[in-house]
N, C-alpha and C. Protein backbone atom coordinates (compact mmCIF):
# COMPACT_ATOMS: atom_id res chain seq x y z
N MET A 1 108.53 145.26 177.14
CA MET A 1 109.81 145.68 177.66
C MET A 1 109.60 146.81 178.66
N LYS A 2 110.12 146.65 179.86
CA LYS A 2 109.98 147.65 180.90
C LYS A 2 110.99 148.77 180.71
N GLN A 3 110.50 149.98 180.80
CA GLN A 3 111.37 151.15 180.67
C GLN A 3 111.94 151.50 182.04
N ILE A 4 113.22 151.75 182.10
CA ILE A 4 113.89 152.07 183.35
C ILE A 4 114.17 153.56 183.38
N ILE A 5 113.76 154.21 184.48
CA ILE A 5 114.04 155.64 184.66
C ILE A 5 115.36 155.77 185.40
N THR A 6 116.26 156.55 184.81
CA THR A 6 117.59 156.79 185.35
C THR A 6 117.75 158.28 185.60
N TYR A 7 118.41 158.64 186.68
CA TYR A 7 118.70 160.06 186.94
C TYR A 7 120.04 160.39 186.31
N VAL A 8 120.04 161.35 185.39
CA VAL A 8 121.21 161.66 184.58
C VAL A 8 121.66 163.09 184.84
N ASP A 9 122.96 163.29 184.85
CA ASP A 9 123.54 164.63 184.98
C ASP A 9 122.99 165.50 183.85
N ILE A 10 122.38 166.61 184.20
CA ILE A 10 121.72 167.49 183.22
C ILE A 10 122.71 168.01 182.18
N LYS A 11 123.97 168.13 182.55
CA LYS A 11 124.99 168.65 181.63
C LYS A 11 125.30 167.67 180.49
N LYS A 12 124.95 166.40 180.65
CA LYS A 12 125.25 165.40 179.63
C LYS A 12 124.24 165.38 178.48
N LEU A 13 123.09 166.02 178.68
CA LEU A 13 122.02 165.94 177.69
C LEU A 13 122.22 166.98 176.59
N ILE A 14 121.96 166.56 175.34
CA ILE A 14 122.18 167.40 174.16
C ILE A 14 120.84 167.62 173.47
N ALA A 15 120.51 168.88 173.22
CA ALA A 15 119.25 169.22 172.57
C ALA A 15 119.37 169.11 171.05
N HIS A 16 118.27 168.67 170.41
CA HIS A 16 118.24 168.70 168.94
C HIS A 16 117.24 169.75 168.45
N GLU A 17 116.53 170.39 169.39
CA GLU A 17 115.60 171.48 169.05
C GLU A 17 115.78 172.60 170.06
N ARG A 18 115.52 173.82 169.59
CA ARG A 18 115.50 174.96 170.50
C ARG A 18 114.17 174.94 171.26
N VAL A 19 114.06 175.77 172.29
CA VAL A 19 112.81 175.85 173.04
C VAL A 19 112.06 177.12 172.69
N CYS A 20 110.75 177.07 172.84
CA CYS A 20 109.88 178.24 172.70
C CYS A 20 109.80 178.89 174.08
N HIS A 21 110.20 180.15 174.17
CA HIS A 21 110.29 180.79 175.49
C HIS A 21 108.93 180.96 176.17
N ALA A 22 107.88 181.18 175.41
CA ALA A 22 106.54 181.29 176.02
C ALA A 22 106.15 179.96 176.65
N ARG A 23 106.37 178.88 175.93
CA ARG A 23 106.06 177.54 176.45
C ARG A 23 106.96 177.21 177.64
N LEU A 24 108.22 177.58 177.55
CA LEU A 24 109.17 177.35 178.64
C LEU A 24 108.72 178.06 179.91
N ASN A 25 108.29 179.30 179.78
CA ASN A 25 107.86 180.07 180.96
C ASN A 25 106.68 179.41 181.67
N VAL A 26 105.73 178.90 180.90
CA VAL A 26 104.57 178.21 181.49
C VAL A 26 105.02 176.96 182.23
N LEU A 27 105.87 176.17 181.60
CA LEU A 27 106.35 174.93 182.21
C LEU A 27 107.22 175.21 183.45
N TYR A 28 108.06 176.22 183.35
CA TYR A 28 108.90 176.63 184.49
C TYR A 28 108.01 176.94 185.70
N LYS A 29 106.99 177.74 185.46
CA LYS A 29 106.09 178.14 186.56
C LYS A 29 105.37 176.91 187.12
N GLN A 30 104.91 176.03 186.26
CA GLN A 30 104.20 174.83 186.71
C GLN A 30 105.10 173.96 187.59
N ILE A 31 106.31 173.68 187.12
CA ILE A 31 107.23 172.83 187.90
C ILE A 31 107.60 173.52 189.21
N ASN A 32 107.86 174.82 189.13
CA ASN A 32 108.23 175.58 190.33
C ASN A 32 107.09 175.59 191.34
N ASP A 33 105.86 175.82 190.88
CA ASP A 33 104.70 175.87 191.78
C ASP A 33 104.39 174.51 192.39
N GLU A 34 104.43 173.45 191.57
CA GLU A 34 104.09 172.11 192.05
C GLU A 34 105.24 171.45 192.79
N GLY A 35 106.46 171.85 192.45
CA GLY A 35 107.63 171.27 193.10
C GLY A 35 107.96 169.86 192.65
N VAL A 36 107.39 169.43 191.51
CA VAL A 36 107.65 168.08 191.00
C VAL A 36 107.76 168.11 189.48
N ILE A 37 108.40 167.08 188.95
CA ILE A 37 108.38 166.83 187.50
C ILE A 37 107.61 165.53 187.31
N ARG A 38 106.71 165.53 186.33
CA ARG A 38 105.77 164.41 186.20
C ARG A 38 106.11 163.41 185.10
N ARG A 39 106.96 163.79 184.17
CA ARG A 39 107.27 162.88 183.05
C ARG A 39 108.78 162.81 182.84
N PRO A 40 109.30 161.62 182.55
CA PRO A 40 110.73 161.51 182.26
C PRO A 40 111.03 162.08 180.87
N VAL A 41 112.26 162.41 180.67
CA VAL A 41 112.75 162.88 179.38
C VAL A 41 113.19 161.64 178.59
N ILE A 42 112.92 161.63 177.29
CA ILE A 42 113.31 160.51 176.44
C ILE A 42 114.61 160.88 175.73
N VAL A 43 115.62 160.01 175.83
CA VAL A 43 116.96 160.32 175.34
C VAL A 43 117.54 159.13 174.58
N ASP A 44 118.25 159.41 173.49
CA ASP A 44 118.95 158.36 172.75
C ASP A 44 120.10 157.84 173.60
N LYS A 45 120.15 156.53 173.79
CA LYS A 45 121.15 155.95 174.70
C LYS A 45 122.57 156.03 174.17
N THR A 46 122.75 156.15 172.87
CA THR A 46 124.09 156.18 172.30
C THR A 46 124.72 157.57 172.36
N THR A 47 123.90 158.60 172.17
CA THR A 47 124.45 159.96 172.00
C THR A 47 124.04 160.95 173.09
N ASN A 48 123.09 160.59 173.95
CA ASN A 48 122.53 161.51 174.95
C ASN A 48 121.75 162.66 174.33
N VAL A 49 121.28 162.49 173.10
CA VAL A 49 120.46 163.51 172.45
C VAL A 49 119.03 163.39 172.97
N ILE A 50 118.47 164.52 173.38
CA ILE A 50 117.09 164.57 173.87
C ILE A 50 116.15 164.37 172.68
N LEU A 51 115.25 163.41 172.79
CA LEU A 51 114.25 163.19 171.75
C LEU A 51 112.92 163.82 172.14
N ASP A 52 112.58 163.78 173.41
CA ASP A 52 111.35 164.37 173.91
C ASP A 52 111.61 164.92 175.30
N GLY A 53 111.33 166.23 175.47
CA GLY A 53 111.50 166.83 176.80
C GLY A 53 112.42 168.04 176.83
N HIS A 54 112.64 168.67 175.69
CA HIS A 54 113.53 169.84 175.65
C HIS A 54 113.09 170.94 176.63
N HIS A 55 111.80 171.22 176.67
CA HIS A 55 111.30 172.27 177.56
C HIS A 55 111.45 171.88 179.03
N ARG A 56 111.20 170.60 179.34
CA ARG A 56 111.38 170.13 180.71
C ARG A 56 112.84 170.27 181.15
N VAL A 57 113.75 169.87 180.26
CA VAL A 57 115.18 169.96 180.60
C VAL A 57 115.58 171.42 180.83
N GLN A 58 115.15 172.32 179.95
CA GLN A 58 115.53 173.73 180.12
C GLN A 58 114.91 174.33 181.38
N ALA A 59 113.65 173.98 181.67
CA ALA A 59 113.01 174.47 182.89
C ALA A 59 113.77 173.96 184.12
N LEU A 60 114.15 172.70 184.10
CA LEU A 60 114.91 172.13 185.21
C LEU A 60 116.27 172.81 185.35
N ARG A 61 116.93 173.09 184.21
CA ARG A 61 118.20 173.83 184.25
C ARG A 61 118.00 175.18 184.92
N ASP A 62 116.96 175.89 184.47
CA ASP A 62 116.68 177.22 185.01
C ASP A 62 116.33 177.19 186.49
N LEU A 63 115.78 176.08 186.95
CA LEU A 63 115.44 175.92 188.36
C LEU A 63 116.62 175.42 189.19
N GLY A 64 117.74 175.13 188.54
CA GLY A 64 118.94 174.73 189.25
C GLY A 64 119.11 173.23 189.45
N ALA A 65 118.32 172.43 188.75
CA ALA A 65 118.44 170.97 188.88
C ALA A 65 119.78 170.51 188.33
N LYS A 66 120.33 169.52 188.98
CA LYS A 66 121.58 168.92 188.52
C LYS A 66 121.33 167.59 187.78
N ARG A 67 120.18 166.98 188.07
CA ARG A 67 119.85 165.69 187.47
C ARG A 67 118.45 165.74 186.85
N VAL A 68 118.22 164.83 185.91
CA VAL A 68 116.95 164.75 185.19
C VAL A 68 116.52 163.29 185.12
N PRO A 69 115.22 163.00 185.36
CA PRO A 69 114.75 161.64 185.16
C PRO A 69 114.68 161.34 183.66
N VAL A 70 115.39 160.30 183.24
CA VAL A 70 115.55 159.98 181.82
C VAL A 70 115.19 158.52 181.57
N VAL A 71 114.55 158.29 180.43
CA VAL A 71 114.41 156.93 179.91
C VAL A 71 115.23 156.90 178.62
N TYR A 72 116.21 156.01 178.59
CA TYR A 72 117.03 155.85 177.40
C TYR A 72 116.35 154.91 176.42
N VAL A 73 116.41 155.25 175.14
CA VAL A 73 115.88 154.38 174.08
C VAL A 73 116.94 154.20 173.01
N ASN A 74 116.80 153.13 172.26
CA ASN A 74 117.64 152.89 171.10
C ASN A 74 116.98 153.61 169.93
N TYR A 75 117.51 154.75 169.54
CA TYR A 75 116.86 155.59 168.53
C TYR A 75 116.76 154.90 167.17
N SER A 76 117.66 153.98 166.90
CA SER A 76 117.61 153.29 165.61
C SER A 76 116.54 152.19 165.59
N ASP A 77 115.97 151.87 166.74
CA ASP A 77 114.94 150.84 166.81
C ASP A 77 113.67 151.29 166.08
N ASP A 78 113.00 150.36 165.43
CA ASP A 78 111.78 150.67 164.68
C ASP A 78 110.63 151.12 165.57
N CYS A 79 110.68 150.84 166.86
CA CYS A 79 109.57 151.26 167.73
C CYS A 79 109.66 152.75 168.08
N VAL A 80 110.75 153.40 167.71
CA VAL A 80 110.86 154.85 167.87
C VAL A 80 110.67 155.48 166.50
N ARG A 81 109.61 156.26 166.37
CA ARG A 81 109.30 156.90 165.10
C ARG A 81 109.40 158.41 165.24
N VAL A 82 109.75 159.07 164.16
CA VAL A 82 109.84 160.53 164.17
C VAL A 82 109.10 161.09 162.97
N TYR A 83 108.39 162.18 163.21
CA TYR A 83 107.63 162.85 162.17
C TYR A 83 107.97 164.33 162.19
N LEU A 84 107.85 164.96 161.05
CA LEU A 84 108.05 166.40 160.96
C LEU A 84 106.76 167.12 161.32
N ARG A 85 106.88 168.15 162.11
CA ARG A 85 105.73 169.01 162.38
C ARG A 85 105.72 170.19 161.42
N ARG A 86 106.89 170.58 160.96
CA ARG A 86 107.01 171.76 160.10
C ARG A 86 107.25 171.31 158.68
N LYS A 87 106.30 171.55 157.83
CA LYS A 87 106.41 171.08 156.45
C LYS A 87 107.41 171.86 155.62
N GLU A 88 107.81 173.04 156.10
CA GLU A 88 108.75 173.83 155.29
C GLU A 88 110.16 173.23 155.34
N LEU A 89 110.42 172.33 156.24
CA LEU A 89 111.73 171.69 156.31
C LEU A 89 111.78 170.54 155.31
N LEU A 90 112.96 170.08 155.03
CA LEU A 90 113.13 168.95 154.11
C LEU A 90 112.31 167.75 154.57
N MET A 91 111.51 167.23 153.66
CA MET A 91 110.64 166.13 154.03
C MET A 91 111.38 164.80 154.15
N ASN A 92 112.60 164.72 153.67
CA ASN A 92 113.34 163.46 153.76
C ASN A 92 114.23 163.41 155.00
N MET A 93 113.91 164.24 155.97
CA MET A 93 114.67 164.24 157.23
C MET A 93 114.56 162.87 157.88
N ILE A 94 115.66 162.35 158.35
CA ILE A 94 115.68 161.04 158.98
C ILE A 94 116.30 161.14 160.35
N LYS A 95 116.22 160.08 161.08
CA LYS A 95 116.73 160.07 162.45
C LYS A 95 118.18 160.53 162.53
N ARG A 96 118.96 160.11 161.55
CA ARG A 96 120.37 160.48 161.55
C ARG A 96 120.55 162.00 161.58
N SER A 97 119.68 162.73 160.88
CA SER A 97 119.76 164.19 160.85
C SER A 97 119.52 164.78 162.23
N VAL A 98 118.59 164.19 162.97
CA VAL A 98 118.32 164.67 164.33
C VAL A 98 119.58 164.57 165.18
N ILE A 99 120.22 163.40 165.13
CA ILE A 99 121.43 163.18 165.92
C ILE A 99 122.57 164.08 165.43
N GLU A 100 122.78 164.14 164.13
CA GLU A 100 123.89 164.94 163.58
C GLU A 100 123.76 166.41 163.95
N MET A 101 122.57 166.97 163.80
CA MET A 101 122.39 168.39 164.11
C MET A 101 122.58 168.66 165.60
N ALA A 102 122.13 167.75 166.43
CA ALA A 102 122.32 167.92 167.88
C ALA A 102 123.79 167.88 168.24
N LEU A 103 124.52 166.92 167.68
CA LEU A 103 125.95 166.80 168.00
C LEU A 103 126.77 167.95 167.44
N LEU A 104 126.26 168.61 166.41
CA LEU A 104 126.91 169.81 165.86
C LEU A 104 126.48 171.08 166.59
N HIS A 105 125.61 170.92 167.60
CA HIS A 105 125.06 172.04 168.37
C HIS A 105 124.35 173.04 167.47
N LYS A 106 123.59 172.50 166.51
CA LYS A 106 122.78 173.30 165.59
C LYS A 106 121.33 172.80 165.68
N PRO A 107 120.67 173.09 166.81
CA PRO A 107 119.33 172.54 167.00
C PRO A 107 118.31 173.11 166.03
N PHE A 108 117.31 172.29 165.73
CA PHE A 108 116.20 172.71 164.89
C PHE A 108 115.32 173.69 165.67
N PRO A 109 114.44 174.41 164.99
CA PRO A 109 113.47 175.26 165.71
C PRO A 109 112.60 174.43 166.64
N SER A 110 112.05 175.07 167.63
CA SER A 110 111.18 174.41 168.59
C SER A 110 110.03 173.70 167.88
N LYS A 111 109.72 172.50 168.36
CA LYS A 111 108.59 171.71 167.87
C LYS A 111 108.70 171.35 166.39
N THR A 112 109.92 171.13 165.91
CA THR A 112 110.13 170.70 164.53
C THR A 112 109.75 169.24 164.36
N THR A 113 110.12 168.43 165.33
CA THR A 113 109.87 167.00 165.22
C THR A 113 108.88 166.55 166.28
N ARG A 114 108.32 165.40 166.04
CA ARG A 114 107.43 164.75 167.01
C ARG A 114 107.86 163.30 167.07
N HIS A 115 108.23 162.86 168.25
CA HIS A 115 108.69 161.48 168.43
C HIS A 115 107.60 160.65 169.09
N PHE A 116 107.36 159.47 168.54
CA PHE A 116 106.43 158.51 169.12
C PHE A 116 107.25 157.34 169.63
N ILE A 117 107.06 157.03 170.89
CA ILE A 117 107.79 155.94 171.53
C ILE A 117 106.77 154.87 171.90
N HIS A 118 106.97 153.65 171.41
CA HIS A 118 106.09 152.54 171.76
C HIS A 118 106.17 152.31 173.27
N ASN A 119 105.01 152.18 173.92
CA ASN A 119 104.96 152.01 175.38
C ASN A 119 105.66 153.15 176.10
N ARG A 120 105.27 154.37 175.77
CA ARG A 120 105.88 155.56 176.39
C ARG A 120 105.86 155.41 177.91
N PRO A 121 106.99 155.63 178.55
CA PRO A 121 107.08 155.41 179.99
C PRO A 121 106.33 156.48 180.79
N THR A 122 105.89 156.08 181.96
CA THR A 122 105.29 157.00 182.91
C THR A 122 106.07 156.88 184.22
N MET A 123 105.84 157.80 185.11
CA MET A 123 106.53 157.74 186.39
C MET A 123 105.70 158.47 187.44
N LYS A 124 106.02 158.22 188.69
CA LYS A 124 105.43 158.98 189.78
C LYS A 124 106.10 160.34 189.78
N PRO A 125 105.39 161.38 190.22
CA PRO A 125 106.03 162.71 190.28
C PRO A 125 107.31 162.67 191.14
N VAL A 126 108.34 163.31 190.62
CA VAL A 126 109.63 163.34 191.31
C VAL A 126 109.81 164.73 191.92
N PRO A 127 109.98 164.80 193.25
CA PRO A 127 110.19 166.10 193.88
C PRO A 127 111.45 166.77 193.37
N MET A 128 111.40 168.07 193.23
CA MET A 128 112.57 168.84 192.77
C MET A 128 113.77 168.60 193.68
N SER A 129 113.55 168.38 194.95
CA SER A 129 114.67 168.16 195.87
C SER A 129 115.51 166.97 195.45
N GLU A 130 114.89 165.98 194.80
CA GLU A 130 115.64 164.81 194.32
C GLU A 130 116.53 165.16 193.14
N LEU A 131 116.19 166.21 192.43
CA LEU A 131 116.94 166.57 191.24
C LEU A 131 118.03 167.61 191.52
N MET A 132 118.09 168.07 192.73
CA MET A 132 119.07 169.09 193.09
C MET A 132 120.35 168.50 193.67
N LYS A 133 120.37 167.18 193.82
CA LYS A 133 121.54 166.51 194.45
C LYS A 133 122.71 166.43 193.49
């Protein structure tokens, strides 16, 4: 199945995790210096919840981008898997919890989850000028 990259209004995306400011600063500088974004953000197609790319989205927001390259996935599909990185959280966390907490605007700590997407999409670098429109 071919993944389609769509440019999405940055305001429509909902985070399910907070960002780590040290990591954000490094990514912000990298995108700003290179002038491109190299990977699309992975987003649930039903809810617009960010599954992978929280730091990229925040860096793009901070740089003034209006749009983000996104690949939408069906989060309930078995080819999208989620694992906990932090063992101190409830081990029975399921996909529904990710969506519920994001929609309640109560994001988890940074790097709480790790999402594996079958056939993770790639893209050519997108110039920042394309994201400022």
